[in-house]
Amino acid sequence: MRHATQLFWLFVVTIVAVGETAEPKPPETKLTVLGQLVTAEAFDRAESLAPKGTVGWRGGIGEWRVEGGAVHATDEKPSAARPNGHEAVCEYVTELNDLVMTAEFKLGTSPQVGFVCRDTNSPNHHLGRIQVTPTAVWLQKMSGIAKQTSKEVLQKIDTPFDPEKWYQVTIEISGDTWRATVGDHELTAKHDRFKDPKGRVGMVAKGEGAQFRNVAVWKAQSKQ
């Protein structure tokens, strides 16, 4: 009986461990001091994607599936509703000011991936993003939504990214300043738009083949 009880509790502990994402390692920061952890998701299990209407990471546009320890993105193809199709979008609904976000990504056959923020308007307007292609990375300020979307590239680095390599990204947004490290590259830009509250953070991808894993978001405070 004692042996059976021990096996039962070992089974319970194993199930709990499998169902949880480990606490992420805090990144090195220049602009901010990390505060409360908002979300940490490895994307290594089916439950990593939350059903519509629940709290968590939701694939709102395109197809998102968890496979092989990462979430894979496929964009939405052209249709009557969206003649030009739409990039795949996976977001976490929240309400933040200064923040830190970390993640890993692999381009695969995708021509472009991004890490994005939208504001707290209804609907949420684009605020800014980091974009990565096989030949460049850039930081852009944004506004509007749908056909009213506008963007302004604030800094761009022309550099190759290996489609089959995993890259680490760290984003800090503090007041009017957005700083990001993508692999070995650092981008920093200032714009008043970055001061606005963030209602959604997430990832986007064009085409298919992009993968993401180990995504985490913290509240933060300026070091100044």
C-alpha atoms as a PDB file:
ATOM      1  CA  MET A   1       0.000   0.000   0.000  1.00  0.00           C
ATOM      2  CA  ARG A   2       2.812   2.417   0.903  1.00  0.00           C
ATOM      3  CA  HIS A   3       4.536   1.732  -2.438  1.00  0.00           C
ATOM      4  CA  ALA A   4       1.264   2.376  -4.306  1.00  0.00           C
ATOM      5  CA  THR A   5       0.778   5.677  -2.441  1.00  0.00           C
ATOM      6  CA  GLN A   6       4.289   6.818  -3.336  1.00  0.00           C
ATOM      7  CA  LEU A   7       3.692   6.001  -6.986  1.00  0.00           C
ATOM      8  CA  PHE A   8       0.407   7.947  -6.921  1.00  0.00           C
ATOM      9  CA  TRP A   9       2.050  11.130  -5.598  1.00  0.00           C
ATOM     10  CA  LEU A  10       4.947  10.769  -8.020  1.00  0.00           C
ATOM     11  CA  PHE A  11       2.373  10.598 -10.821  1.00  0.00           C
ATOM     12  CA  VAL A  12       0.603  13.739  -9.530  1.00  0.00           C
ATOM     13  CA  VAL A  13       3.863  15.704  -9.228  1.00  0.00           C
ATOM     14  CA  THR A  14       4.870  14.648 -12.739  1.00  0.00           C
ATOM     15  CA  ILE A  15       1.544  15.799 -14.212  1.00  0.00           C
ATOM     16  CA  VAL A  16       1.816  19.190 -12.457  1.00  0.00           C
ATOM     17  CA  ALA A  17       5.399  19.674 -13.629  1.00  0.00           C
ATOM     18  CA  VAL A  18       4.522  18.886 -17.233  1.00  0.00           C
ATOM     19  CA  GLY A  19       1.607  21.347 -17.152  1.00  0.00           C
ATOM     20  CA  GLU A  20       3.647  24.319 -15.964  1.00  0.00           C
ATOM     21  CA  THR A  21       6.103  26.619 -17.723  1.00  0.00           C
ATOM     22  CA  ALA A  22       9.304  27.153 -15.732  1.00  0.00           C
ATOM     23  CA  GLU A  23      10.026  30.630 -14.381  1.00  0.00           C
ATOM     24  CA  PRO A  24      12.020  32.421 -17.118  1.00  0.00           C
ATOM     25  CA  LYS A  25      15.542  33.715 -16.550  1.00  0.00           C
ATOM     26  CA  PRO A  26      15.397  37.517 -16.151  1.00  0.00           C
ATOM     27  CA  PRO A  27      17.165  39.271 -19.050  1.00  0.00           C
ATOM     28  CA  GLU A  28      19.841  41.918 -18.733  1.00  0.00           C
ATOM     29  CA  THR A  29      18.276  45.370 -19.128  1.00  0.00           C
ATOM     30  CA  LYS A  30      19.620  48.886 -19.746  1.00  0.00           C
ATOM     31  CA  LEU A  31      16.528  51.077 -19.507  1.00  0.00           C
ATOM     32  CA  THR A  32      14.357  49.352 -16.948  1.00  0.00           C
ATOM     33  CA  VAL A  33      14.111  47.424 -13.696  1.00  0.00           C
ATOM     34  CA  LEU A  34      11.979  44.303 -13.963  1.00  0.00           C
ATOM     35  CA  GLY A  35       8.744  44.195 -12.014  1.00  0.00           C
ATOM     36  CA  GLN A  36       5.972  41.601 -11.868  1.00  0.00           C
ATOM     37  CA  LEU A  37       6.055  38.732 -14.347  1.00  0.00           C
ATOM     38  CA  VAL A  38       2.910  39.052 -16.480  1.00  0.00           C
ATOM     39  CA  THR A  39       3.194  35.877 -18.538  1.00  0.00           C
ATOM     40  CA  ALA A  40       5.740  33.167 -19.335  1.00  0.00           C
ATOM     41  CA  GLU A  41       4.985  30.573 -21.983  1.00  0.00           C
ATOM     42  CA  ALA A  42       7.356  27.991 -23.453  1.00  0.00           C
ATOM     43  CA  PHE A  43       4.845  26.977 -26.156  1.00  0.00           C
ATOM     44  CA  ASP A  44       5.765  23.341 -25.601  1.00  0.00           C
ATOM     45  CA  ARG A  45       2.262  21.936 -25.021  1.00  0.00           C
ATOM     46  CA  ALA A  46      -1.155  22.219 -26.630  1.00  0.00           C
ATOM     47  CA  GLU A  47      -2.487  24.175 -23.640  1.00  0.00           C
ATOM     48  CA  SER A  48       0.022  26.956 -24.402  1.00  0.00           C
ATOM     49  CA  LEU A  49      -2.619  28.481 -26.704  1.00  0.00           C
ATOM     50  CA  ALA A  50      -5.676  29.699 -24.818  1.00  0.00           C
ATOM     51  CA  PRO A  51      -9.214  29.250 -26.200  1.00  0.00           C
ATOM     52  CA  LYS A  52     -10.996  32.369 -27.395  1.00  0.00           C
ATOM     53  CA  GLY A  53     -12.461  34.392 -24.528  1.00  0.00           C
ATOM     54  CA  THR A  54      -9.971  33.148 -21.932  1.00  0.00           C
ATOM     55  CA  VAL A  55      -6.779  34.656 -20.504  1.00  0.00           C
ATOM     56  CA  GLY A  56      -3.579  33.654 -22.268  1.00  0.00           C
ATOM     57  CA  TRP A  57      -1.850  33.631 -25.642  1.00  0.00           C
ATOM     58  CA  ARG A  58      -4.416  33.539 -28.427  1.00  0.00           C
ATOM     59  CA  GLY A  59      -3.895  32.984 -32.127  1.00  0.00           C
ATOM     60  CA  GLY A  60      -6.322  35.584 -33.440  1.00  0.00           C
ATOM     61  CA  ILE A  61      -5.507  35.481 -37.163  1.00  0.00           C
ATOM     62  CA  GLY A  62      -3.993  32.688 -39.225  1.00  0.00           C
ATOM     63  CA  GLU A  63      -3.181  29.227 -37.919  1.00  0.00           C
ATOM     64  CA  TRP A  64      -1.113  28.639 -34.800  1.00  0.00           C
ATOM     65  CA  ARG A  65      -0.189  25.136 -33.684  1.00  0.00           C
ATOM     66  CA  VAL A  66       2.141  23.767 -31.007  1.00  0.00           C
ATOM     67  CA  GLU A  67       4.530  21.128 -32.266  1.00  0.00           C
ATOM     68  CA  GLY A  68       8.064  20.050 -31.394  1.00  0.00           C
ATOM     69  CA  GLY A  69       8.475  22.426 -28.454  1.00  0.00           C
ATOM     70  CA  ALA A  70       7.445  25.605 -30.278  1.00  0.00           C
ATOM     71  CA  VAL A  71       4.410  27.359 -31.729  1.00  0.00           C
ATOM     72  CA  HIS A  72       4.278  27.397 -35.548  1.00  0.00           C
ATOM     73  CA  ALA A  73       2.622  30.215 -37.512  1.00  0.00           C
ATOM     74  CA  THR A  74       0.814  30.128 -40.862  1.00  0.00           C
ATOM     75  CA  ASP A  75      -0.703  33.328 -42.219  1.00  0.00           C
ATOM     76  CA  GLU A  76      -4.280  33.809 -43.425  1.00  0.00           C
ATOM     77  CA  LYS A  77      -4.610  33.350 -47.168  1.00  0.00           C
ATOM     78  CA  PRO A  78      -6.602  35.783 -49.371  1.00  0.00           C
ATOM     79  CA  SER A  79     -10.386  35.536 -49.055  1.00  0.00           C
ATOM     80  CA  ALA A  80     -13.497  37.570 -49.777  1.00  0.00           C
ATOM     81  CA  ALA A  81     -13.218  39.150 -46.323  1.00  0.00           C
ATOM     82  CA  ARG A  82      -9.496  39.854 -46.691  1.00  0.00           C
ATOM     83  CA  PRO A  83      -8.536  39.943 -50.401  1.00  0.00           C
ATOM     84  CA  ASN A  84      -4.872  40.453 -49.523  1.00  0.00           C
ATOM     85  CA  GLY A  85      -4.809  37.866 -46.761  1.00  0.00           C
ATOM     86  CA  HIS A  86      -3.260  38.748 -43.392  1.00  0.00           C
ATOM     87  CA  GLU A  87      -0.131  37.928 -41.423  1.00  0.00           C
ATOM     88  CA  ALA A  88      -0.582  35.417 -38.614  1.00  0.00           C
ATOM     89  CA  VAL A  89      -1.144  37.134 -35.247  1.00  0.00           C
ATOM     90  CA  CYS A  90      -0.790  35.686 -31.728  1.00  0.00           C
ATOM     91  CA  GLU A  91      -1.285  38.127 -28.833  1.00  0.00           C
ATOM     92  CA  TYR A  92      -1.613  38.383 -25.075  1.00  0.00           C
ATOM     93  CA  VAL A  93      -4.234  40.833 -23.813  1.00  0.00           C
ATOM     94  CA  THR A  94      -2.989  42.953 -20.920  1.00  0.00           C
ATOM     95  CA  GLU A  95      -2.612  46.575 -19.809  1.00  0.00           C
ATOM     96  CA  LEU A  96       0.943  47.815 -19.383  1.00  0.00           C
ATOM     97  CA  ASN A  97       3.016  50.957 -19.550  1.00  0.00           C
ATOM     98  CA  ASP A  98       6.756  50.240 -19.346  1.00  0.00           C
ATOM     99  CA  LEU A  99       7.505  46.598 -20.131  1.00  0.00           C
ATOM    100  CA  VAL A 100      10.132  44.004 -20.970  1.00  0.00           C
ATOM    101  CA  MET A 101       9.519  41.129 -23.392  1.00  0.00           C
ATOM    102  CA  THR A 102      11.796  38.208 -24.240  1.00  0.00           C
ATOM    103  CA  ALA A 103      11.356  35.451 -26.800  1.00  0.00           C
ATOM    104  CA  GLU A 104      13.083  33.092 -29.195  1.00  0.00           C
ATOM    105  CA  PHE A 105      12.215  32.795 -32.875  1.00  0.00           C
ATOM    106  CA  LYS A 106      13.192  30.928 -36.027  1.00  0.00           C
ATOM    107  CA  LEU A 107      12.270  32.315 -39.452  1.00  0.00           C
ATOM    108  CA  GLY A 108      12.147  29.011 -41.302  1.00  0.00           C
ATOM    109  CA  THR A 109      10.496  29.651 -44.672  1.00  0.00           C
ATOM    110  CA  SER A 110       8.671  32.764 -43.411  1.00  0.00           C
ATOM    111  CA  PRO A 111       9.709  35.969 -45.219  1.00  0.00           C
ATOM    112  CA  GLN A 112       9.086  38.106 -42.117  1.00  0.00           C
ATOM    113  CA  VAL A 113       8.324  37.865 -38.394  1.00  0.00           C
ATOM    114  CA  GLY A 114       7.598  40.568 -35.860  1.00  0.00           C
ATOM    115  CA  PHE A 115       7.164  41.352 -32.178  1.00  0.00           C
ATOM    116  CA  VAL A 116       4.369  43.839 -31.659  1.00  0.00           C
ATOM    117  CA  CYS A 117       2.489  46.091 -29.280  1.00  0.00           C
ATOM    118  CA  ARG A 118      -0.957  47.595 -29.689  1.00  0.00           C
ATOM    119  CA  ASP A 119      -2.584  50.273 -27.539  1.00  0.00           C
ATOM    120  CA  THR A 120      -5.721  50.202 -25.358  1.00  0.00           C
ATOM    121  CA  ASN A 121      -8.146  51.735 -27.880  1.00  0.00           C
ATOM    122  CA  SER A 122     -11.178  49.737 -28.952  1.00  0.00           C
ATOM    123  CA  PRO A 123     -10.211  48.225 -31.308  1.00  0.00           C
ATOM    124  CA  ASN A 124      -6.556  48.220 -30.295  1.00  0.00           C
ATOM    125  CA  HIS A 125      -4.474  50.370 -32.645  1.00  0.00           C
ATOM    126  CA  HIS A 126      -0.950  49.421 -33.721  1.00  0.00           C
ATOM    127  CA  LEU A 127       1.713  51.081 -31.554  1.00  0.00           C
ATOM    128  CA  GLY A 128       5.105  49.726 -32.622  1.00  0.00           C
ATOM    129  CA  ARG A 129       7.009  46.615 -33.560  1.00  0.00           C
ATOM    130  CA  ILE A 130      10.306  44.913 -34.308  1.00  0.00           C
ATOM    131  CA  GLN A 131      10.404  43.296 -37.765  1.00  0.00           C
ATOM    132  CA  VAL A 132      12.889  40.644 -38.901  1.00  0.00           C
ATOM    133  CA  THR A 133      13.516  39.272 -42.411  1.00  0.00           C
ATOM    134  CA  PRO A 134      16.338  37.055 -43.737  1.00  0.00           C
ATOM    135  CA  THR A 135      18.237  40.236 -44.672  1.00  0.00           C
ATOM    136  CA  ALA A 136      17.337  42.925 -42.120  1.00  0.00           C
ATOM    137  CA  VAL A 137      15.857  43.943 -38.771  1.00  0.00           C
ATOM    138  CA  TRP A 138      14.106  47.207 -38.005  1.00  0.00           C
ATOM    139  CA  LEU A 139      12.161  49.116 -35.360  1.00  0.00           C
ATOM    140  CA  GLN A 140       9.045  51.023 -36.362  1.00  0.00           C
ATOM    141  CA  LYS A 141       6.496  53.324 -34.779  1.00  0.00           C
ATOM    142  CA  MET A 142       2.877  52.691 -35.781  1.00  0.00           C
ATOM    143  CA  SER A 143      -0.659  54.049 -35.439  1.00  0.00           C
ATOM    144  CA  GLY A 144      -4.147  53.250 -36.686  1.00  0.00           C
ATOM    145  CA  ILE A 145      -5.749  49.887 -37.455  1.00  0.00           C
ATOM    146  CA  ALA A 146      -6.767  47.979 -40.595  1.00  0.00           C
ATOM    147  CA  LYS A 147      -6.755  50.283 -43.661  1.00  0.00           C
ATOM    148  CA  GLN A 148      -5.876  53.280 -41.461  1.00  0.00           C
ATOM    149  CA  THR A 149      -2.613  51.690 -40.297  1.00  0.00           C
ATOM    150  CA  SER A 150       0.481  53.842 -40.738  1.00  0.00           C
ATOM    151  CA  LYS A 151       4.121  53.127 -39.916  1.00  0.00           C
ATOM    152  CA  GLU A 152       7.453  54.922 -39.716  1.00  0.00           C
ATOM    153  CA  VAL A 153      10.742  53.027 -39.646  1.00  0.00           C
ATOM    154  CA  LEU A 154      12.942  54.604 -36.945  1.00  0.00           C
ATOM    155  CA  GLN A 155      16.026  52.394 -37.196  1.00  0.00           C
ATOM    156  CA  LYS A 156      17.014  49.621 -39.598  1.00  0.00           C
ATOM    157  CA  ILE A 157      20.033  47.302 -39.739  1.00  0.00           C
ATOM    158  CA  ASP A 158      20.760  45.396 -42.944  1.00  0.00           C
ATOM    159  CA  THR A 159      22.188  42.072 -41.801  1.00  0.00           C
ATOM    160  CA  PRO A 160      21.606  38.382 -42.599  1.00  0.00           C
ATOM    161  CA  PHE A 161      19.517  36.085 -40.394  1.00  0.00           C
ATOM    162  CA  ASP A 162      19.905  32.329 -40.819  1.00  0.00           C
ATOM    163  CA  PRO A 163      16.382  30.935 -41.435  1.00  0.00           C
ATOM    164  CA  GLU A 164      17.242  27.709 -39.603  1.00  0.00           C
ATOM    165  CA  LYS A 165      18.788  29.300 -36.509  1.00  0.00           C
ATOM    166  CA  TRP A 166      17.024  30.202 -33.268  1.00  0.00           C
ATOM    167  CA  TYR A 167      17.512  33.841 -32.231  1.00  0.00           C
ATOM    168  CA  GLN A 168      16.902  35.529 -28.886  1.00  0.00           C
ATOM    169  CA  VAL A 169      15.050  38.846 -28.741  1.00  0.00           C
ATOM    170  CA  THR A 170      14.715  41.205 -25.761  1.00  0.00           C
ATOM    171  CA  ILE A 171      12.496  44.296 -25.933  1.00  0.00           C
ATOM    172  CA  GLU A 172      12.418  47.133 -23.401  1.00  0.00           C
ATOM    173  CA  ILE A 173       9.887  49.945 -23.643  1.00  0.00           C
ATOM    174  CA  SER A 174      10.392  52.777 -21.157  1.00  0.00           C
ATOM    175  CA  GLY A 175       8.535  56.040 -21.631  1.00  0.00           C
ATOM    176  CA  ASP A 176       9.251  57.290 -25.148  1.00  0.00           C
ATOM    177  CA  THR A 177      12.161  54.864 -25.697  1.00  0.00           C
ATOM    178  CA  TRP A 178      12.052  51.425 -27.316  1.00  0.00           C
ATOM    179  CA  ARG A 179      15.218  49.325 -27.103  1.00  0.00           C
ATOM    180  CA  ALA A 180      15.586  45.859 -28.587  1.00  0.00           C
ATOM    181  CA  THR A 181      18.331  43.284 -28.962  1.00  0.00           C
ATOM    182  CA  VAL A 182      17.822  40.733 -31.733  1.00  0.00           C
ATOM    183  CA  GLY A 183      20.613  38.202 -31.792  1.00  0.00           C
ATOM    184  CA  ASP A 184      23.806  40.277 -31.688  1.00  0.00           C
ATOM    185  CA  HIS A 185      22.134  43.475 -32.908  1.00  0.00           C
ATOM    186  CA  GLU A 186      20.788  46.362 -30.839  1.00  0.00           C
ATOM    187  CA  LEU A 187      18.202  48.920 -31.936  1.00  0.00           C
ATOM    188  CA  THR A 188      17.037  51.969 -29.992  1.00  0.00           C
ATOM    189  CA  ALA A 189      14.637  54.763 -30.939  1.00  0.00           C
ATOM    190  CA  LYS A 190      12.510  57.418 -29.276  1.00  0.00           C
ATOM    191  CA  HIS A 191       8.951  58.464 -30.124  1.00  0.00           C
ATOM    192  CA  ASP A 192       6.053  59.873 -28.094  1.00  0.00           C
ATOM    193  CA  ARG A 193       3.831  57.076 -29.416  1.00  0.00           C
ATOM    194  CA  PHE A 194       5.751  54.574 -27.277  1.00  0.00           C
ATOM    195  CA  LYS A 195       4.482  56.293 -24.098  1.00  0.00           C
ATOM    196  CA  ASP A 196       0.899  55.139 -24.750  1.00  0.00           C
ATOM    197  CA  PRO A 197      -0.489  52.229 -22.682  1.00  0.00           C
ATOM    198  CA  LYS A 198      -0.063  48.785 -24.200  1.00  0.00           C
ATOM    199  CA  GLY A 199      -3.195  46.649 -24.367  1.00  0.00           C
ATOM    200  CA  ARG A 200      -1.801  43.789 -26.455  1.00  0.00           C
ATOM    201  CA  VAL A 201       1.665  42.308 -26.976  1.00  0.00           C
ATOM    202  CA  GLY A 202       2.503  39.491 -29.312  1.00  0.00           C
ATOM    203  CA  MET A 203       4.092  37.930 -32.373  1.00  0.00           C
ATOM    204  CA  VAL A 204       3.261  38.099 -36.076  1.00  0.00           C
ATOM    205  CA  ALA A 205       4.507  36.189 -39.108  1.00  0.00           C
ATOM    206  CA  LYS A 206       4.003  36.203 -42.865  1.00  0.00           C
ATOM    207  CA  GLY A 207       3.815  33.059 -44.994  1.00  0.00           C
ATOM    208  CA  GLU A 208       4.465  29.872 -43.081  1.00  0.00           C
ATOM    209  CA  GLY A 209       7.392  28.230 -41.342  1.00  0.00           C
ATOM    210  CA  ALA A 210       8.047  30.700 -38.507  1.00  0.00           C
ATOM    211  CA  GLN A 211       8.401  29.313 -34.983  1.00  0.00           C
ATOM    212  CA  PHE A 212       8.357  30.967 -31.552  1.00  0.00           C
ATOM    213  CA  ARG A 213       9.124  29.698 -28.044  1.00  0.00           C
ATOM    214  CA  ASN A 214       9.983  30.811 -24.491  1.00  0.00           C
ATOM    215  CA  VAL A 215       8.038  34.064 -24.583  1.00  0.00           C
ATOM    216  CA  ALA A 216       7.834  36.158 -21.399  1.00  0.00           C
ATOM    217  CA  VAL A 217       6.548  39.619 -20.498  1.00  0.00           C
ATOM    218  CA  TRP A 218       7.257  41.658 -17.353  1.00  0.00           C
ATOM    219  CA  LYS A 219       6.007  44.927 -15.990  1.00  0.00           C
ATOM    220  CA  ALA A 220       8.938  47.313 -15.661  1.00  0.00           C
ATOM    221  CA  GLN A 221      10.036  50.663 -14.272  1.00  0.00           C
ATOM    222  CA  SER A 222      12.527  53.137 -15.710  1.00  0.00           C
ATOM    223  CA  LYS A 223      16.009  53.093 -14.184  1.00  0.00           C
ATOM    224  CA  GLN A 224      16.108  56.896 -14.372  1.00  0.00           C
END
